[in-house]
Amino acid sequence: MDFDFKTLLVILVVVLIIFGGKKLRSIGDDLGHAVKGFKKAMNEGDHEETSASTRQIRSEGADAEFPEKVKTGTPAEKSNRNA
């Protein structure tokens, strides 16, 4: 779908008539602030990601050991054992 200059101009005039000049300016400002905030958040995320990858985790001691889980069976098996 190709938009030539006339089509684009008609769309812009219709949008201007519907929303008005002040509302369009407000929408443009809000959209600009949103894009700026999004770019800032993306840059901060990249910065945190690179700083996190340069840190190294060191081991301070041995890993904890946990006992094997004892198999207790289902409640029906328990009642059969007790009977």
PDB file of N, CA and C in Angstrom:
ATOM      1  N   MET A   1       0.848  -1.168   0.000  1.00  0.00           N
ATOM      2  CA  MET A   1       0.000   0.000   0.000  1.00  0.00           C
ATOM      3  C   MET A   1       0.896   1.235   0.000  1.00  0.00           C
ATOM      4  N   ASP A   2       0.924   1.931  -1.090  1.00  0.00           N
ATOM      5  CA  ASP A   2       1.763   3.121  -1.224  1.00  0.00           C
ATOM      6  C   ASP A   2       0.980   4.372  -0.832  1.00  0.00           C
ATOM      7  N   PHE A   3       1.635   5.208  -0.026  1.00  0.00           N
ATOM      8  CA  PHE A   3       1.061   6.495   0.333  1.00  0.00           C
ATOM      9  C   PHE A   3       1.813   7.568  -0.443  1.00  0.00           C
ATOM     10  N   ASP A   4       1.096   8.266  -1.287  1.00  0.00           N
ATOM     11  CA  ASP A   4       1.738   9.382  -1.952  1.00  0.00           C
ATOM     12  C   ASP A   4       1.535  10.636  -1.115  1.00  0.00           C
ATOM     13  N   PHE A   5       2.067  11.726  -1.547  1.00  0.00           N
ATOM     14  CA  PHE A   5       2.050  12.965  -0.771  1.00  0.00           C
ATOM     15  C   PHE A   5       0.623  13.459  -0.533  1.00  0.00           C
ATOM     16  N   LYS A   6      -0.248  13.341  -1.544  1.00  0.00           N
ATOM     17  CA  LYS A   6      -1.636  13.816  -1.412  1.00  0.00           C
ATOM     18  C   LYS A   6      -2.375  13.028  -0.336  1.00  0.00           C
ATOM     19  N   THR A   7      -2.217  11.719  -0.331  1.00  0.00           N
ATOM     20  CA  THR A   7      -2.902  10.878   0.654  1.00  0.00           C
ATOM     21  C   THR A   7      -2.435  11.217   2.060  1.00  0.00           C
ATOM     22  N   LEU A   8      -1.143  11.365   2.230  1.00  0.00           N
ATOM     23  CA  LEU A   8      -0.585  11.698   3.533  1.00  0.00           C
ATOM     24  C   LEU A   8      -1.077  13.068   4.005  1.00  0.00           C
ATOM     25  N   LEU A   9      -1.152  14.019   3.105  1.00  0.00           N
ATOM     26  CA  LEU A   9      -1.627  15.362   3.434  1.00  0.00           C
ATOM     27  C   LEU A   9      -3.099  15.331   3.849  1.00  0.00           C
ATOM     28  N   VAL A  10      -3.923  14.574   3.150  1.00  0.00           N
ATOM     29  CA  VAL A  10      -5.340  14.458   3.504  1.00  0.00           C
ATOM     30  C   VAL A  10      -5.490  13.824   4.886  1.00  0.00           C
ATOM     31  N   ILE A  11      -4.716  12.786   5.180  1.00  0.00           N
ATOM     32  CA  ILE A  11      -4.778  12.134   6.494  1.00  0.00           C
ATOM     33  C   ILE A  11      -4.379  13.115   7.588  1.00  0.00           C
ATOM     34  N   LEU A  12      -3.318  13.879   7.374  1.00  0.00           N
ATOM     35  CA  LEU A  12      -2.883  14.853   8.372  1.00  0.00           C
ATOM     36  C   LEU A  12      -3.924  15.948   8.603  1.00  0.00           C
ATOM     37  N   VAL A  13      -4.577  16.414   7.552  1.00  0.00           N
ATOM     38  CA  VAL A  13      -5.608  17.445   7.689  1.00  0.00           C
ATOM     39  C   VAL A  13      -6.806  16.897   8.462  1.00  0.00           C
ATOM     40  N   VAL A  14      -7.211  15.667   8.181  1.00  0.00           N
ATOM     41  CA  VAL A  14      -8.338  15.067   8.891  1.00  0.00           C
ATOM     42  C   VAL A  14      -8.000  14.895  10.372  1.00  0.00           C
ATOM     43  N   VAL A  15      -6.808  14.448  10.671  1.00  0.00           N
ATOM     44  CA  VAL A  15      -6.380  14.282  12.062  1.00  0.00           C
ATOM     45  C   VAL A  15      -6.342  15.643  12.757  1.00  0.00           C
ATOM     46  N   LEU A  16      -5.863  16.671  12.072  1.00  0.00           N
ATOM     47  CA  LEU A  16      -5.825  18.009  12.639  1.00  0.00           C
ATOM     48  C   LEU A  16      -7.225  18.529  12.928  1.00  0.00           C
ATOM     49  N   ILE A  17      -8.164  18.260  12.037  1.00  0.00           N
ATOM     50  CA  ILE A  17      -9.542  18.713  12.240  1.00  0.00           C
ATOM     51  C   ILE A  17     -10.167  17.965  13.431  1.00  0.00           C
ATOM     52  N   ILE A  18      -9.919  16.676  13.538  1.00  0.00           N
ATOM     53  CA  ILE A  18     -10.525  15.871  14.607  1.00  0.00           C
ATOM     54  C   ILE A  18      -9.955  16.250  15.972  1.00  0.00           C
ATOM     55  N   PHE A  19      -8.626  16.297  16.088  1.00  0.00           N
ATOM     56  CA  PHE A  19      -8.009  16.509  17.395  1.00  0.00           C
ATOM     57  C   PHE A  19      -7.748  17.972  17.726  1.00  0.00           C
ATOM     58  N   GLY A  20      -7.477  18.784  16.754  1.00  0.00           N
ATOM     59  CA  GLY A  20      -7.148  20.181  17.002  1.00  0.00           C
ATOM     60  C   GLY A  20      -5.650  20.347  17.228  1.00  0.00           C
ATOM     61  N   GLY A  21      -5.197  21.594  17.109  1.00  0.00           N
ATOM     62  CA  GLY A  21      -3.763  21.880  17.193  1.00  0.00           C
ATOM     63  C   GLY A  21      -3.166  21.643  18.573  1.00  0.00           C
ATOM     64  N   LYS A  22      -3.865  22.092  19.626  1.00  0.00           N
ATOM     65  CA  LYS A  22      -3.330  21.944  20.990  1.00  0.00           C
ATOM     66  C   LYS A  22      -3.244  20.473  21.394  1.00  0.00           C
ATOM     67  N   LYS A  23      -4.273  19.719  21.040  1.00  0.00           N
ATOM     68  CA  LYS A  23      -4.285  18.301  21.414  1.00  0.00           C
ATOM     69  C   LYS A  23      -3.186  17.544  20.662  1.00  0.00           C
ATOM     70  N   LEU A  24      -2.977  17.867  19.388  1.00  0.00           N
ATOM     71  CA  LEU A  24      -1.910  17.215  18.627  1.00  0.00           C
ATOM     72  C   LEU A  24      -0.541  17.541  19.215  1.00  0.00           C
ATOM     73  N   ARG A  25      -0.343  18.797  19.626  1.00  0.00           N
ATOM     74  CA  ARG A  25       0.927  19.185  20.237  1.00  0.00           C
ATOM     75  C   ARG A  25       1.142  18.404  21.534  1.00  0.00           C
ATOM     76  N   SER A  26       0.074  18.263  22.321  1.00  0.00           N
ATOM     77  CA  SER A  26       0.147  17.525  23.577  1.00  0.00           C
ATOM     78  C   SER A  26       0.454  16.049  23.322  1.00  0.00           C
ATOM     79  N   ILE A  27      -0.206  15.477  22.332  1.00  0.00           N
ATOM     80  CA  ILE A  27       0.044  14.068  21.991  1.00  0.00           C
ATOM     81  C   ILE A  27       1.489  13.891  21.522  1.00  0.00           C
ATOM     82  N   GLY A  28       1.977  14.831  20.718  1.00  0.00           N
ATOM     83  CA  GLY A  28       3.360  14.761  20.242  1.00  0.00           C
ATOM     84  C   GLY A  28       4.367  14.850  21.382  1.00  0.00           C
ATOM     85  N   ASP A  29       4.113  15.761  22.328  1.00  0.00           N
ATOM     86  CA  ASP A  29       5.012  15.887  23.491  1.00  0.00           C
ATOM     87  C   ASP A  29       5.009  14.608  24.330  1.00  0.00           C
ATOM     88  N   ASP A  30       3.822  14.076  24.574  1.00  0.00           N
ATOM     89  CA  ASP A  30       3.714  12.844  25.365  1.00  0.00           C
ATOM     90  C   ASP A  30       4.423  11.678  24.674  1.00  0.00           C
ATOM     91  N   LEU A  31       4.240  11.590  23.372  1.00  0.00           N
ATOM     92  CA  LEU A  31       4.888  10.523  22.614  1.00  0.00           C
ATOM     93  C   LEU A  31       6.409  10.689  22.633  1.00  0.00           C
ATOM     94  N   GLY A  32       6.881  11.922  22.523  1.00  0.00           N
ATOM     95  CA  GLY A  32       8.329  12.178  22.581  1.00  0.00           C
ATOM     96  C   GLY A  32       8.920  11.820  23.930  1.00  0.00           C
ATOM     97  N   HIS A  33       8.216  12.173  25.019  1.00  0.00           N
ATOM     98  CA  HIS A  33       8.696  11.826  26.360  1.00  0.00           C
ATOM     99  C   HIS A  33       8.702  10.316  26.567  1.00  0.00           C
ATOM    100  N   ALA A  34       7.702   9.630  26.017  1.00  0.00           N
ATOM    101  CA  ALA A  34       7.637   8.171  26.154  1.00  0.00           C
ATOM    102  C   ALA A  34       8.797   7.507  25.429  1.00  0.00           C
ATOM    103  N   VAL A  35       9.106   7.976  24.228  1.00  0.00           N
ATOM    104  CA  VAL A  35      10.221   7.398  23.467  1.00  0.00           C
ATOM    105  C   VAL A  35      11.539   7.679  24.179  1.00  0.00           C
ATOM    106  N   LYS A  36      11.700   8.893  24.690  1.00  0.00           N
ATOM    107  CA  LYS A  36      12.921   9.244  25.408  1.00  0.00           C
ATOM    108  C   LYS A  36      13.091   8.373  26.660  1.00  0.00           C
ATOM    109  N   GLY A  37      12.006   8.180  27.407  1.00  0.00           N
ATOM    110  CA  GLY A  37      12.056   7.327  28.595  1.00  0.00           C
ATOM    111  C   GLY A  37      12.376   5.891  28.243  1.00  0.00           C
ATOM    112  N   PHE A  38      11.813   5.397  27.141  1.00  0.00           N
ATOM    113  CA  PHE A  38      12.083   4.031  26.711  1.00  0.00           C
ATOM    114  C   PHE A  38      13.550   3.856  26.339  1.00  0.00           C
ATOM    115  N   LYS A  39      14.103   4.805  25.599  1.00  0.00           N
ATOM    116  CA  LYS A  39      15.521   4.722  25.218  1.00  0.00           C
ATOM    117  C   LYS A  39      16.422   4.783  26.442  1.00  0.00           C
ATOM    118  N   LYS A  40      16.072   5.639  27.404  1.00  0.00           N
ATOM    119  CA  LYS A  40      16.861   5.746  28.631  1.00  0.00           C
ATOM    120  C   LYS A  40      16.833   4.434  29.406  1.00  0.00           C
ATOM    121  N   ALA A  41      15.658   3.824  29.506  1.00  0.00           N
ATOM    122  CA  ALA A  41      15.538   2.543  30.211  1.00  0.00           C
ATOM    123  C   ALA A  41      16.323   1.445  29.507  1.00  0.00           C
ATOM    124  N   MET A  42      16.311   1.453  28.187  1.00  0.00           N
ATOM    125  CA  MET A  42      17.069   0.445  27.434  1.00  0.00           C
ATOM    126  C   MET A  42      18.566   0.621  27.662  1.00  0.00           C
ATOM    127  N   ASN A  43      19.052   1.865  27.679  1.00  0.00           N
ATOM    128  CA  ASN A  43      20.463   2.115  27.910  1.00  0.00           C
ATOM    129  C   ASN A  43      20.867   1.730  29.326  1.00  0.00           C
ATOM    130  N   GLU A  44      20.003   1.997  30.316  1.00  0.00           N
ATOM    131  CA  GLU A  44      20.307   1.610  31.691  1.00  0.00           C
ATOM    132  C   GLU A  44      20.329   0.095  31.830  1.00  0.00           C
ATOM    133  N   GLY A  45      19.439  -0.599  31.126  1.00  0.00           N
ATOM    134  CA  GLY A  45      19.418  -2.058  31.154  1.00  0.00           C
ATOM    135  C   GLY A  45      20.682  -2.640  30.557  1.00  0.00           C
ATOM    136  N   ASP A  46      21.161  -2.047  29.448  1.00  0.00           N
ATOM    137  CA  ASP A  46      22.410  -2.510  28.837  1.00  0.00           C
ATOM    138  C   ASP A  46      23.580  -2.274  29.772  1.00  0.00           C
ATOM    139  N   HIS A  47      23.578  -1.124  30.469  1.00  0.00           N
ATOM    140  CA  HIS A  47      24.661  -0.805  31.393  1.00  0.00           C
ATOM    141  C   HIS A  47      24.686  -1.794  32.552  1.00  0.00           C
ATOM    142  N   GLU A  48      23.518  -2.120  33.114  1.00  0.00           N
ATOM    143  CA  GLU A  48      23.451  -3.079  34.217  1.00  0.00           C
ATOM    144  C   GLU A  48      23.878  -4.462  33.762  1.00  0.00           C
ATOM    145  N   GLU A  49      23.513  -4.824  32.542  1.00  0.00           N
ATOM    146  CA  GLU A  49      23.856  -6.149  32.019  1.00  0.00           C
ATOM    147  C   GLU A  49      25.360  -6.295  31.846  1.00  0.00           C
ATOM    148  N   THR A  50      26.025  -5.258  31.334  1.00  0.00           N
ATOM    149  CA  THR A  50      27.471  -5.354  31.140  1.00  0.00           C
ATOM    150  C   THR A  50      28.214  -5.316  32.466  1.00  0.00           C
ATOM    151  N   SER A  51      27.724  -4.534  33.426  1.00  0.00           N
ATOM    152  CA  SER A  51      28.399  -4.490  34.722  1.00  0.00           C
ATOM    153  C   SER A  51      28.179  -5.784  35.488  1.00  0.00           C
ATOM    154  N   ALA A  52      27.037  -6.432  35.311  1.00  0.00           N
ATOM    155  CA  ALA A  52      26.774  -7.699  35.997  1.00  0.00           C
ATOM    156  C   ALA A  52      27.630  -8.815  35.405  1.00  0.00           C
ATOM    157  N   SER A  53      27.904  -8.763  34.117  1.00  0.00           N
ATOM    158  CA  SER A  53      28.688  -9.831  33.497  1.00  0.00           C
ATOM    159  C   SER A  53      30.167  -9.718  33.847  1.00  0.00           C
ATOM    160  N   THR A  54      30.635  -8.543  34.269  1.00  0.00           N
ATOM    161  CA  THR A  54      32.040  -8.397  34.625  1.00  0.00           C
ATOM    162  C   THR A  54      32.317  -8.830  36.052  1.00  0.00           C
ATOM    163  N   ARG A  55      31.268  -8.877  36.892  1.00  0.00           N
ATOM    164  CA  ARG A  55      31.465  -9.327  38.259  1.00  0.00           C
ATOM    165  C   ARG A  55      31.667 -10.833  38.286  1.00  0.00           C
ATOM    166  N   GLN A  56      32.455 -11.297  39.246  1.00  0.00           N
ATOM    167  CA  GLN A  56      32.712 -12.721  39.355  1.00  0.00           C
ATOM    168  C   GLN A  56      32.213 -13.201  40.711  1.00  0.00           C
ATOM    169  N   ILE A  57      31.542 -14.328  40.704  1.00  0.00           N
ATOM    170  CA  ILE A  57      31.031 -14.899  41.940  1.00  0.00           C
ATOM    171  C   ILE A  57      32.121 -15.786  42.518  1.00  0.00           C
ATOM    172  N   ARG A  58      32.434 -15.571  43.785  1.00  0.00           N
ATOM    173  CA  ARG A  58      33.464 -16.396  44.396  1.00  0.00           C
ATOM    174  C   ARG A  58      32.834 -17.314  45.424  1.00  0.00           C
ATOM    175  N   SER A  59      33.436 -18.456  45.592  1.00  0.00           N
ATOM    176  CA  SER A  59      32.922 -19.443  46.521  1.00  0.00           C
ATOM    177  C   SER A  59      33.602 -19.248  47.868  1.00  0.00           C
ATOM    178  N   GLU A  60      32.780 -19.129  48.921  1.00  0.00           N
ATOM    179  CA  GLU A  60      33.338 -18.902  50.249  1.00  0.00           C
ATOM    180  C   GLU A  60      33.450 -20.186  51.057  1.00  0.00           C
ATOM    181  N   GLY A  61      32.821 -21.230  50.635  1.00  0.00           N
ATOM    182  CA  GLY A  61      32.879 -22.465  51.399  1.00  0.00           C
ATOM    183  C   GLY A  61      32.279 -23.604  50.616  1.00  0.00           C
ATOM    184  N   ALA A  62      32.182 -24.753  51.286  1.00  0.00           N
ATOM    185  CA  ALA A  62      31.635 -25.934  50.641  1.00  0.00           C
ATOM    186  C   ALA A  62      30.123 -25.797  50.510  1.00  0.00           C
ATOM    187  N   ASP A  63      29.573 -26.522  49.576  1.00  0.00           N
ATOM    188  CA  ASP A  63      28.133 -26.529  49.404  1.00  0.00           C
ATOM    189  C   ASP A  63      27.479 -27.274  50.553  1.00  0.00           C
ATOM    190  N   ALA A  64      26.261 -26.912  50.849  1.00  0.00           N
ATOM    191  CA  ALA A  64      25.516 -27.580  51.915  1.00  0.00           C
ATOM    192  C   ALA A  64      25.118 -28.974  51.457  1.00  0.00           C
ATOM    193  N   GLU A  65      25.110 -29.908  52.381  1.00  0.00           N
ATOM    194  CA  GLU A  65      24.700 -31.268  52.063  1.00  0.00           C
ATOM    195  C   GLU A  65      23.360 -31.532  52.720  1.00  0.00           C
ATOM    196  N   PHE A  66      22.465 -32.130  51.956  1.00  0.00           N
ATOM    197  CA  PHE A  66      21.132 -32.427  52.448  1.00  0.00           C
ATOM    198  C   PHE A  66      20.939 -33.929  52.476  1.00  0.00           C
ATOM    199  N   PRO A  67      20.272 -34.450  53.507  1.00  0.00           N
ATOM    200  CA  PRO A  67      20.055 -35.899  53.582  1.00  0.00           C
ATOM    201  C   PRO A  67      19.095 -36.349  52.489  1.00  0.00           C
ATOM    202  N   GLU A  68      19.213 -37.616  52.135  1.00  0.00           N
ATOM    203  CA  GLU A  68      18.320 -38.192  51.138  1.00  0.00           C
ATOM    204  C   GLU A  68      16.901 -38.166  51.670  1.00  0.00           C
ATOM    205  N   LYS A  69      15.941 -37.940  50.805  1.00  0.00           N
ATOM    206  CA  LYS A  69      14.544 -37.898  51.213  1.00  0.00           C
ATOM    207  C   LYS A  69      14.068 -39.332  51.441  1.00  0.00           C
ATOM    208  N   VAL A  70      13.452 -39.563  52.574  1.00  0.00           N
ATOM    209  CA  VAL A  70      12.964 -40.886  52.919  1.00  0.00           C
ATOM    210  C   VAL A  70      11.614 -41.081  52.270  1.00  0.00           C
ATOM    211  N   LYS A  71      11.459 -42.198  51.572  1.00  0.00           N
ATOM    212  CA  LYS A  71      10.211 -42.472  50.887  1.00  0.00           C
ATOM    213  C   LYS A  71       9.198 -42.975  51.911  1.00  0.00           C
ATOM    214  N   THR A  72       8.111 -42.249  52.053  1.00  0.00           N
ATOM    215  CA  THR A  72       7.116 -42.598  53.064  1.00  0.00           C
ATOM    216  C   THR A  72       5.936 -43.324  52.466  1.00  0.00           C
ATOM    217  N   GLY A  73       5.694 -43.210  51.189  1.00  0.00           N
ATOM    218  CA  GLY A  73       4.578 -43.889  50.554  1.00  0.00           C
ATOM    219  C   GLY A  73       3.311 -43.068  50.621  1.00  0.00           C
ATOM    220  N   THR A  74       2.262 -43.626  50.038  1.00  0.00           N
ATOM    221  CA  THR A  74       0.970 -42.944  50.014  1.00  0.00           C
ATOM    222  C   THR A  74       0.217 -43.240  51.298  1.00  0.00           C
ATOM    223  N   PRO A  75      -0.807 -42.484  51.638  1.00  0.00           N
ATOM    224  CA  PRO A  75      -1.586 -42.748  52.857  1.00  0.00           C
ATOM    225  C   PRO A  75      -2.196 -44.151  52.864  1.00  0.00           C
ATOM    226  N   ALA A  76      -2.592 -44.675  51.699  1.00  0.00           N
ATOM    227  CA  ALA A  76      -3.164 -46.028  51.642  1.00  0.00           C
ATOM    228  C   ALA A  76      -2.104 -47.059  52.015  1.00  0.00           C
ATOM    229  N   GLU A  77      -0.862 -46.867  51.558  1.00  0.00           N
ATOM    230  CA  GLU A  77       0.217 -47.801  51.898  1.00  0.00           C
ATOM    231  C   GLU A  77       0.522 -47.739  53.393  1.00  0.00           C
ATOM    232  N   LYS A  78       0.425 -46.576  54.002  1.00  0.00           N
ATOM    233  CA  LYS A  78       0.684 -46.449  55.435  1.00  0.00           C
ATOM    234  C   LYS A  78      -0.353 -47.200  56.229  1.00  0.00           C
ATOM    235  N   SER A  79      -1.634 -47.114  55.838  1.00  0.00           N
ATOM    236  CA  SER A  79      -2.688 -47.808  56.577  1.00  0.00           C
ATOM    237  C   SER A  79      -2.545 -49.318  56.430  1.00  0.00           C
ATOM    238  N   ASN A  80      -2.048 -49.791  55.292  1.00  0.00           N
ATOM    239  CA  ASN A  80      -1.824 -51.226  55.097  1.00  0.00           C
ATOM    240  C   ASN A  80      -0.681 -51.713  55.966  1.00  0.00           C
ATOM    241  N   ARG A  81       0.347 -50.895  56.163  1.00  0.00           N
ATOM    242  CA  ARG A  81       1.483 -51.275  57.005  1.00  0.00           C
ATOM    243  C   ARG A  81       1.083 -51.352  58.484  1.00  0.00           C
ATOM    244  N   ASN A  82       0.227 -50.428  58.901  1.00  0.00           N
ATOM    245  CA  ASN A  82      -0.206 -50.384  60.294  1.00  0.00           C
ATOM    246  C   ASN A  82      -1.189 -51.482  60.634  1.00  0.00           C
ATOM    247  N   ALA A  83      -1.863 -52.046  59.676  1.00  0.00           N
ATOM    248  CA  ALA A  83      -2.906 -53.055  59.944  1.00  0.00           C
ATOM    249  C   ALA A  83      -2.352 -54.418  60.182  1.00  0.00           C
TER     250      ALA A  83
END
